[in-house]
Protein backbone atom coordinates (compact mmCIF):
# COMPACT_ATOMS: atom_id res chain seq x y z
CA UNK A 1 -19.22 -16.81 -8.23
CA UNK A 2 -17.27 -16.29 -5.04
CA UNK A 3 -13.46 -15.54 -6.93
CA UNK A 4 -15.01 -12.82 -9.35
CA UNK A 5 -15.86 -11.84 -6.03
CA UNK A 6 -13.08 -11.03 -4.05
CA UNK A 7 -11.69 -9.94 -7.71
CA UNK A 8 -13.81 -7.09 -7.83
CA UNK A 9 -13.72 -6.44 -4.11
CA UNK A 10 -9.55 -6.06 -4.80
CA UNK A 11 -9.79 -2.69 -5.40
CA UNK A 12 -12.55 -1.13 -3.26
CA UNK A 13 -10.80 -3.43 -0.43
CA UNK A 14 -7.47 -1.45 -1.30
CA UNK A 15 -8.70 1.30 -1.08
CA UNK A 16 -10.89 1.21 1.92
CA UNK A 17 -8.22 -0.13 3.97
CA UNK A 18 -6.20 2.51 2.86
CA UNK A 19 -8.33 5.33 3.59
CA UNK A 20 -9.15 3.18 7.24
CA UNK A 21 -5.55 3.31 8.64
CA UNK A 22 -5.54 7.01 7.80
CA UNK A 23 -8.28 7.93 9.92
CA UNK A 24 -6.54 5.83 12.60
CA UNK A 25 -3.03 8.64 11.79
CA UNK A 26 -5.18 11.75 12.06
CA UNK A 27 -6.98 10.26 15.06
CA UNK A 28 -3.50 9.82 17.43
CA UNK A 29 -0.67 10.72 15.19
CA UNK A 30 -2.19 14.30 13.91
CA UNK A 31 -2.79 15.24 16.78
CA UNK A 32 0.75 14.78 18.76
CA UNK A 33 2.83 15.17 16.02
CA UNK A 34 3.24 18.14 13.58
CA UNK A 35 1.80 18.00 10.14
CA UNK A 36 5.23 16.10 8.45
CA UNK A 37 5.51 13.72 10.69
CA UNK A 38 1.61 13.05 9.94
CA UNK A 39 1.91 12.83 5.74
CA UNK A 40 5.07 10.29 6.62
CA UNK A 41 2.63 8.06 8.76
CA UNK A 42 -0.03 8.49 6.11
CA UNK A 43 2.65 8.23 3.34
CA UNK A 44 4.19 5.11 4.62
CA UNK A 45 1.21 3.27 6.79
CA UNK A 46 -1.71 4.10 3.71
CA UNK A 47 0.62 2.43 1.48
CA UNK A 48 1.75 -0.68 3.21
CA UNK A 49 -2.29 -1.20 3.93
CA UNK A 50 -2.59 -0.83 0.61
CA UNK A 51 -1.00 -3.18 -1.03
CA UNK A 52 -1.62 -5.61 1.97
CA UNK A 53 -5.33 -5.71 1.50
CA UNK A 54 -4.55 -6.36 -2.64
CA UNK A 55 -3.38 -8.65 -2.23
CA UNK A 56 -4.66 -10.71 0.59
CA UNK A 57 -8.06 -10.04 -1.08
CA UNK A 58 -6.86 -11.14 -4.27
CA UNK A 59 -8.35 -15.20 -4.47
CA UNK A 60 -4.99 -16.09 -6.56
CA UNK A 61 -1.73 -15.16 -7.67
CA UNK A 62 -1.55 -12.67 -4.89
CA UNK A 63 1.64 -11.34 -5.51
CA UNK A 64 1.50 -10.77 -8.81
CA UNK A 65 -1.85 -8.65 -7.67
CA UNK A 66 0.38 -7.32 -4.59
CA UNK A 67 3.19 -5.80 -7.71
CA UNK A 68 0.42 -4.53 -9.56
CA UNK A 69 -1.40 -2.81 -7.52
CA UNK A 70 1.84 -1.34 -6.28
CA UNK A 71 3.69 -0.60 -9.43
CA UNK A 72 -0.23 1.46 -10.76
CA UNK A 73 -0.48 3.35 -7.09
CA UNK A 74 3.18 4.41 -6.92
CA UNK A 75 2.99 5.28 -10.38
CA UNK A 76 -0.60 7.88 -10.22
CA UNK A 77 1.01 9.21 -6.77
CA UNK A 78 4.16 10.04 -8.72
CA UNK A 79 2.25 11.55 -11.52
CA UNK A 80 0.17 13.45 -9.42
CA UNK A 81 3.05 15.43 -7.99
CA UNK A 82 5.02 16.30 -10.93
CA UNK A 83 1.23 17.89 -11.97
CA UNK A 84 0.43 20.20 -8.28
CA UNK A 85 4.26 20.59 -7.95
CA UNK A 86 4.55 21.63 -11.98
CA UNK A 87 1.03 23.91 -11.24
CA UNK A 88 3.23 26.13 -8.39
CA UNK A 89 0.42 25.42 -5.92
CA UNK A 90 1.40 22.71 -4.11
CA UNK A 91 -0.25 21.58 -0.72
CA UNK A 92 2.33 21.36 1.00
CA UNK A 93 6.52 22.90 0.07
CA UNK A 94 7.80 20.71 -3.35
CA UNK A 95 10.18 18.75 -0.31
CA UNK A 96 7.69 17.44 1.90
CA UNK A 97 5.44 16.48 -1.74
CA UNK A 98 8.80 14.51 -2.83
CA UNK A 99 10.20 12.61 0.34
CA UNK A 100 6.67 11.22 1.29
CA UNK A 101 6.14 10.59 -2.28
CA UNK A 102 9.70 8.19 -2.05
CA UNK A 103 7.91 7.35 0.84
CA UNK A 104 5.22 5.81 -1.33
CA UNK A 105 7.47 4.07 -2.59
CA UNK A 106 9.79 3.06 -0.49
CA UNK A 107 6.69 1.26 1.33
CA UNK A 108 5.30 -0.20 -1.51
CA UNK A 109 8.41 -1.92 -2.27
CA UNK A 110 8.88 -3.13 1.24
CA UNK A 111 5.12 -4.64 1.35
CA UNK A 112 5.67 -6.32 -2.27
CA UNK A 113 8.60 -8.07 -0.19
CA UNK A 114 6.06 -8.84 2.07
CA UNK A 115 3.82 -10.18 0.06
CA UNK A 116 6.80 -12.52 -1.42
CA UNK A 117 7.69 -13.45 1.81
CA UNK A 118 4.18 -14.88 2.71
CA UNK A 119 4.08 -16.75 -0.60
CA UNK A 120 7.15 -18.89 0.58
CA UNK A 121 6.13 -18.51 3.65
CA UNK A 122 3.17 -20.99 3.53
CA UNK A 123 4.95 -22.53 0.66
CA UNK A 124 7.44 -24.27 2.37
CA UNK A 125 3.91 -24.85 5.35
CA UNK A 126 2.44 -26.72 2.71
CA UNK A 127 5.24 -28.74 2.01
CA UNK A 128 6.19 -29.29 5.32
CA UNK A 129 2.65 -30.58 5.93
CA UNK A 130 2.53 -32.75 2.67
CA UNK A 131 5.75 -34.65 2.99
CA UNK A 132 4.51 -35.18 7.05
CA UNK A 133 1.27 -36.92 5.82
């Protein structure tokens, strides 16, 4: 039952992590820096938080979960930006929308690489411990 609940919590937990990071960003960076820096930080740290939270919450297949969540997150984000730019009424200039989308993709890929690295470190630790015993 615990495993099922953790799988159910993957996406809500990832969204909660992203929202929390974006709120903290709004309380710190947005006060000091211009709008562009705020959007860049939201794209970078929000994407990292979203993918890494999904990785940590998933009970098994953590790296695969991170990759699937990151791919879906980026695809939806790119689709939303394309639709927003085609509507002719984007919230920000097109260069900001495109820049933040690229940053989101890069941060998501980095999060997947981090997840893979964490799994490899965990495997090597458990291998060392089993060799000691």
